[in-house]
């Protein structure tokens, strides 16, 4: 049964390494510390409850589990050096001179991005994306949502910068029991919990779809579907 409250499954060692509860010794012998408040933790590895970290002494530390999950998700990307990103699909409709209606859909399929460098919490102007991934030909910003999603103010700033930005939602499954493999599958591989916040080439894709609706009124049917199987947004016709 899924717990009703979040349990802390990741912590920081005295050497500063982020570890899961299954990687350390039991109890205080784990020599681990809370990601949120830096207080000592014990590793509870019993036979009844899900393994997790707990504060060694009573504390008012809030959102420790969520902070640890947020940090671990970023670390997953840094370790994997890759990320599957969701598809983008745009449909445009136009009425032809003869009265018929034509529509065209352009789909940039979901694909795996492999990175040359991954930087965590690097400032860009007056914002700090959770992850900045460097790849050819540019950058990708990645935001991790556990308790808090990107608000309109930050999204406006991201739009102004114009770097492609993905948000990965972990809010609905933050009560799960986590290890690196399970978290990596959700963060790196899964597509259902990801959305585009910024896609700079969207206007070009819309223009391409519009162009596809009626390049020749004698050749366009009532429903025309066009699928682009790469992340290229090069236009194939003038607008």
Protein backbone atom coordinates (compact mmCIF):
# COMPACT_ATOMS: atom_id res chain seq x y z
CA UNK A 1 0.00 0.00 0.00
CA UNK A 2 1.29 3.47 -0.89
CA UNK A 3 2.11 5.56 2.23
CA UNK A 4 -0.08 8.58 2.90
CA UNK A 5 2.90 10.76 3.78
CA UNK A 6 6.18 11.19 1.96
CA UNK A 7 9.17 9.25 3.25
CA UNK A 8 12.71 10.43 2.75
CA UNK A 9 14.54 7.95 0.53
CA UNK A 10 17.64 9.99 -0.29
CA UNK A 11 20.20 11.73 1.89
CA UNK A 12 23.66 13.26 1.78
CA UNK A 13 26.72 11.50 3.22
CA UNK A 14 29.39 13.26 5.27
CA UNK A 15 31.44 13.31 2.06
CA UNK A 16 28.64 15.20 0.30
CA UNK A 17 27.41 12.33 -1.89
CA UNK A 18 23.72 11.84 -2.55
CA UNK A 19 22.70 8.26 -1.67
CA UNK A 20 19.55 6.16 -1.42
CA UNK A 21 18.58 4.41 1.81
CA UNK A 22 19.48 1.04 0.30
CA UNK A 23 23.10 2.07 -0.22
CA UNK A 24 24.05 2.77 3.39
CA UNK A 25 24.44 1.05 6.73
CA UNK A 26 21.50 0.74 9.10
CA UNK A 27 20.64 3.32 11.76
CA UNK A 28 23.05 6.08 12.70
CA UNK A 29 25.87 4.08 11.15
CA UNK A 30 24.77 5.48 7.80
CA UNK A 31 26.38 8.82 8.76
CA UNK A 32 23.94 10.69 6.56
CA UNK A 33 22.38 14.13 6.69
CA UNK A 34 19.11 15.74 5.64
CA UNK A 35 19.09 17.45 2.26
CA UNK A 36 16.82 20.20 3.61
CA UNK A 37 18.18 21.00 7.09
CA UNK A 38 21.56 19.20 7.15
CA UNK A 39 20.70 17.51 10.48
CA UNK A 40 21.84 13.91 11.14
CA UNK A 41 19.61 11.11 9.88
CA UNK A 42 19.22 7.44 10.67
CA UNK A 43 18.53 4.77 8.06
CA UNK A 44 15.45 2.79 9.02
CA UNK A 45 15.79 -0.58 7.33
CA UNK A 46 13.24 -2.72 9.11
CA UNK A 47 11.12 -5.62 7.90
CA UNK A 48 7.71 -3.95 8.21
CA UNK A 49 7.83 -0.37 6.94
CA UNK A 50 9.34 0.82 3.67
CA UNK A 51 13.02 1.60 4.12
CA UNK A 52 13.58 5.33 4.59
CA UNK A 53 15.65 7.98 6.36
CA UNK A 54 14.41 9.72 9.51
CA UNK A 55 15.84 12.55 11.56
CA UNK A 56 17.94 11.27 14.44
CA UNK A 57 16.37 13.86 16.76
CA UNK A 58 13.00 15.55 16.73
CA UNK A 59 12.95 18.50 14.34
CA UNK A 60 10.53 20.87 12.68
CA UNK A 61 12.15 20.27 9.28
CA UNK A 62 9.39 20.41 6.67
CA UNK A 63 9.34 18.97 3.16
CA UNK A 64 12.54 17.01 3.74
CA UNK A 65 11.30 14.08 1.65
CA UNK A 66 10.22 16.33 -1.21
CA UNK A 67 13.52 18.26 -1.13
CA UNK A 68 15.46 14.98 -1.23
CA UNK A 69 13.36 13.67 -4.15
CA UNK A 70 13.85 16.94 -6.04
CA UNK A 71 17.61 16.77 -5.57
CA UNK A 72 17.74 13.09 -6.51
CA UNK A 73 15.78 13.70 -9.73
CA UNK A 74 18.30 16.33 -10.81
CA UNK A 75 21.13 13.96 -9.93
CA UNK A 76 19.51 11.26 -12.11
CA UNK A 77 19.81 13.52 -15.14
CA UNK A 78 23.37 14.46 -14.29
CA UNK A 79 24.35 10.81 -14.04
CA UNK A 80 22.46 9.62 -17.12
CA UNK A 81 23.53 12.51 -19.37
CA UNK A 82 20.39 11.98 -21.44
CA UNK A 83 16.63 12.53 -21.35
CA UNK A 84 13.61 11.48 -23.36
CA UNK A 85 11.58 14.55 -24.33
CA UNK A 86 7.88 14.51 -25.32
CA UNK A 87 6.45 15.04 -28.77
CA UNK A 88 5.17 18.33 -30.15
CA UNK A 89 2.11 18.21 -32.39
CA UNK A 90 0.57 21.16 -34.24
CA UNK A 91 -2.55 21.11 -36.43
CA UNK A 92 -3.59 23.98 -38.68
CA UNK A 93 -6.83 24.24 -40.67
CA UNK A 94 -7.57 26.40 -43.71
CA UNK A 95 -10.54 26.93 -46.03
CA UNK A 96 -9.65 26.58 -49.70
CA UNK A 97 -10.91 28.83 -52.49
CA UNK A 98 -13.31 26.11 -53.65
CA UNK A 99 -14.91 25.95 -50.18
CA UNK A 100 -13.27 22.75 -49.00
CA UNK A 101 -11.50 22.61 -45.63
CA UNK A 102 -7.95 21.27 -45.43
CA UNK A 103 -5.98 20.47 -42.31
CA UNK A 104 -2.36 19.51 -41.76
CA UNK A 105 -0.62 18.13 -38.69
CA UNK A 106 3.10 18.31 -38.04
CA UNK A 107 4.43 16.08 -35.27
CA UNK A 108 7.92 16.25 -33.87
CA UNK A 109 8.19 12.80 -32.37
CA UNK A 110 9.38 12.12 -28.83
CA UNK A 111 13.09 11.48 -28.86
CA UNK A 112 16.10 10.82 -26.67
CA UNK A 113 18.40 13.80 -26.14
CA UNK A 114 22.01 12.95 -25.28
CA UNK A 115 23.93 15.70 -23.49
CA UNK A 116 27.54 16.83 -23.59
CA UNK A 117 27.32 18.54 -20.20
CA UNK A 118 24.76 18.83 -17.41
CA UNK A 119 24.86 21.67 -14.86
CA UNK A 120 22.58 21.87 -11.81
CA UNK A 121 21.08 25.11 -10.46
CA UNK A 122 23.16 27.42 -12.68
CA UNK A 123 21.95 31.03 -12.74
CA UNK A 124 20.76 32.38 -16.10
CA UNK A 125 19.97 36.06 -15.72
CA UNK A 126 17.67 36.34 -12.71
CA UNK A 127 16.38 32.75 -12.86
CA UNK A 128 17.96 29.45 -11.90
CA UNK A 129 16.75 26.43 -13.91
CA UNK A 130 16.92 23.15 -12.01
CA UNK A 131 19.01 21.60 -14.77
CA UNK A 132 20.81 23.13 -17.74
CA UNK A 133 21.74 20.48 -20.29
CA UNK A 134 24.19 21.36 -23.04
CA UNK A 135 23.93 19.59 -26.36
CA UNK A 136 24.46 20.28 -30.03
CA UNK A 137 23.15 22.65 -31.28
CA UNK A 138 22.17 24.39 -28.04
CA UNK A 139 20.78 24.08 -24.52
CA UNK A 140 17.80 22.51 -22.81
CA UNK A 141 16.41 23.73 -19.48
CA UNK A 142 14.76 21.11 -17.26
CA UNK A 143 12.48 21.91 -14.33
CA UNK A 144 11.53 19.32 -11.70
CA UNK A 145 8.11 19.73 -10.03
CA UNK A 146 7.59 17.89 -6.74
CA UNK A 147 5.59 20.37 -4.66
CA UNK A 148 5.86 23.46 -6.82
CA UNK A 149 5.38 23.88 -10.55
CA UNK A 150 6.83 26.72 -12.62
CA UNK A 151 4.63 29.77 -12.05
CA UNK A 152 3.59 32.31 -14.67
CA UNK A 153 6.29 34.78 -13.67
CA UNK A 154 9.12 32.29 -14.13
CA UNK A 155 7.55 30.93 -17.30
CA UNK A 156 7.45 34.43 -18.78
CA UNK A 157 11.15 34.81 -18.00
CA UNK A 158 11.89 31.44 -19.59
CA UNK A 159 9.93 32.45 -22.69
CA UNK A 160 11.93 35.68 -22.89
CA UNK A 161 15.21 33.76 -22.75
CA UNK A 162 13.97 31.42 -25.48
CA UNK A 163 15.77 28.23 -24.47
CA UNK A 164 13.71 25.02 -24.91
CA UNK A 165 12.36 24.05 -21.49
CA UNK A 166 10.84 20.81 -20.18
CA UNK A 167 8.98 20.35 -16.89
CA UNK A 168 8.98 16.91 -15.24
CA UNK A 169 6.14 16.34 -12.76
CA UNK A 170 6.77 14.11 -9.73
CA UNK A 171 3.96 15.47 -7.56
CA UNK A 172 1.47 12.64 -7.97
CA UNK A 173 3.97 9.91 -7.15
CA UNK A 174 6.08 11.59 -4.46
CA UNK A 175 4.72 9.15 -1.84
CA UNK A 176 6.25 6.17 -3.63
CA UNK A 177 9.20 4.18 -2.32
CA UNK A 178 12.18 5.23 -4.41
CA UNK A 179 15.54 3.88 -5.43
CA UNK A 180 17.84 5.11 -8.18
CA UNK A 181 16.58 2.65 -10.80
CA UNK A 182 12.92 3.45 -10.27
CA UNK A 183 13.48 7.19 -10.14
CA UNK A 184 15.71 7.08 -13.22
CA UNK A 185 13.04 5.25 -15.20
CA UNK A 186 10.46 7.91 -14.34
CA UNK A 187 12.73 10.92 -14.82
CA UNK A 188 14.77 9.81 -17.84
CA UNK A 189 12.53 7.42 -19.76
CA UNK A 190 8.90 8.30 -19.03
CA UNK A 191 7.02 10.75 -21.26
CA UNK A 192 3.59 10.93 -19.59
CA UNK A 193 4.83 13.19 -16.78
CA UNK A 194 6.67 15.68 -19.00
CA UNK A 195 5.50 18.80 -20.79
CA UNK A 196 7.08 21.54 -22.85
CA UNK A 197 7.10 24.94 -21.14
CA UNK A 198 9.07 26.66 -23.89
CA UNK A 199 9.49 25.48 -27.48
CA UNK A 200 11.11 28.34 -29.44
CA UNK A 201 10.43 26.85 -32.90
CA UNK A 202 6.68 26.55 -32.33
CA UNK A 203 5.87 29.52 -34.58
CA UNK A 204 7.87 27.95 -37.42
CA UNK A 205 6.10 24.62 -36.94
CA UNK A 206 2.72 26.38 -37.08
CA UNK A 207 3.80 28.16 -40.25
CA UNK A 208 4.90 24.87 -41.78
CA UNK A 209 1.56 23.24 -40.88
CA UNK A 210 -0.28 26.20 -42.38
CA UNK A 211 1.79 25.89 -45.50
CA UNK A 212 0.95 22.19 -45.75
CA UNK A 213 -2.80 22.83 -45.72
CA UNK A 214 -3.00 24.13 -49.27
CA UNK A 215 0.19 24.21 -51.34
CA UNK A 216 -2.03 23.33 -54.29
CA UNK A 217 -5.82 23.34 -54.00
CA UNK A 218 -6.08 20.50 -56.54
CA UNK A 219 -3.83 18.22 -54.48
CA UNK A 220 -5.07 18.85 -50.94
CA UNK A 221 -7.74 16.53 -49.54
CA UNK A 222 -10.13 17.28 -46.71
CA UNK A 223 -7.72 15.79 -44.18
CA UNK A 224 -3.98 15.82 -44.75
CA UNK A 225 -1.53 14.55 -42.14
CA UNK A 226 2.19 15.28 -42.28
CA UNK A 227 4.60 13.79 -39.74
CA UNK A 228 8.12 15.06 -39.21
CA UNK A 229 10.13 12.31 -37.56
CA UNK A 230 12.98 14.39 -36.18
CA UNK A 231 13.48 17.49 -34.06
CA UNK A 232 14.36 19.58 -37.11
CA UNK A 233 12.08 22.54 -37.70
CA UNK A 234 13.40 23.54 -41.14
CA UNK A 235 10.59 24.84 -43.32
CA UNK A 236 9.92 22.93 -46.53
CA UNK A 237 7.87 25.64 -48.20
CA UNK A 238 7.71 29.43 -48.18
CA UNK A 239 5.12 31.39 -46.21
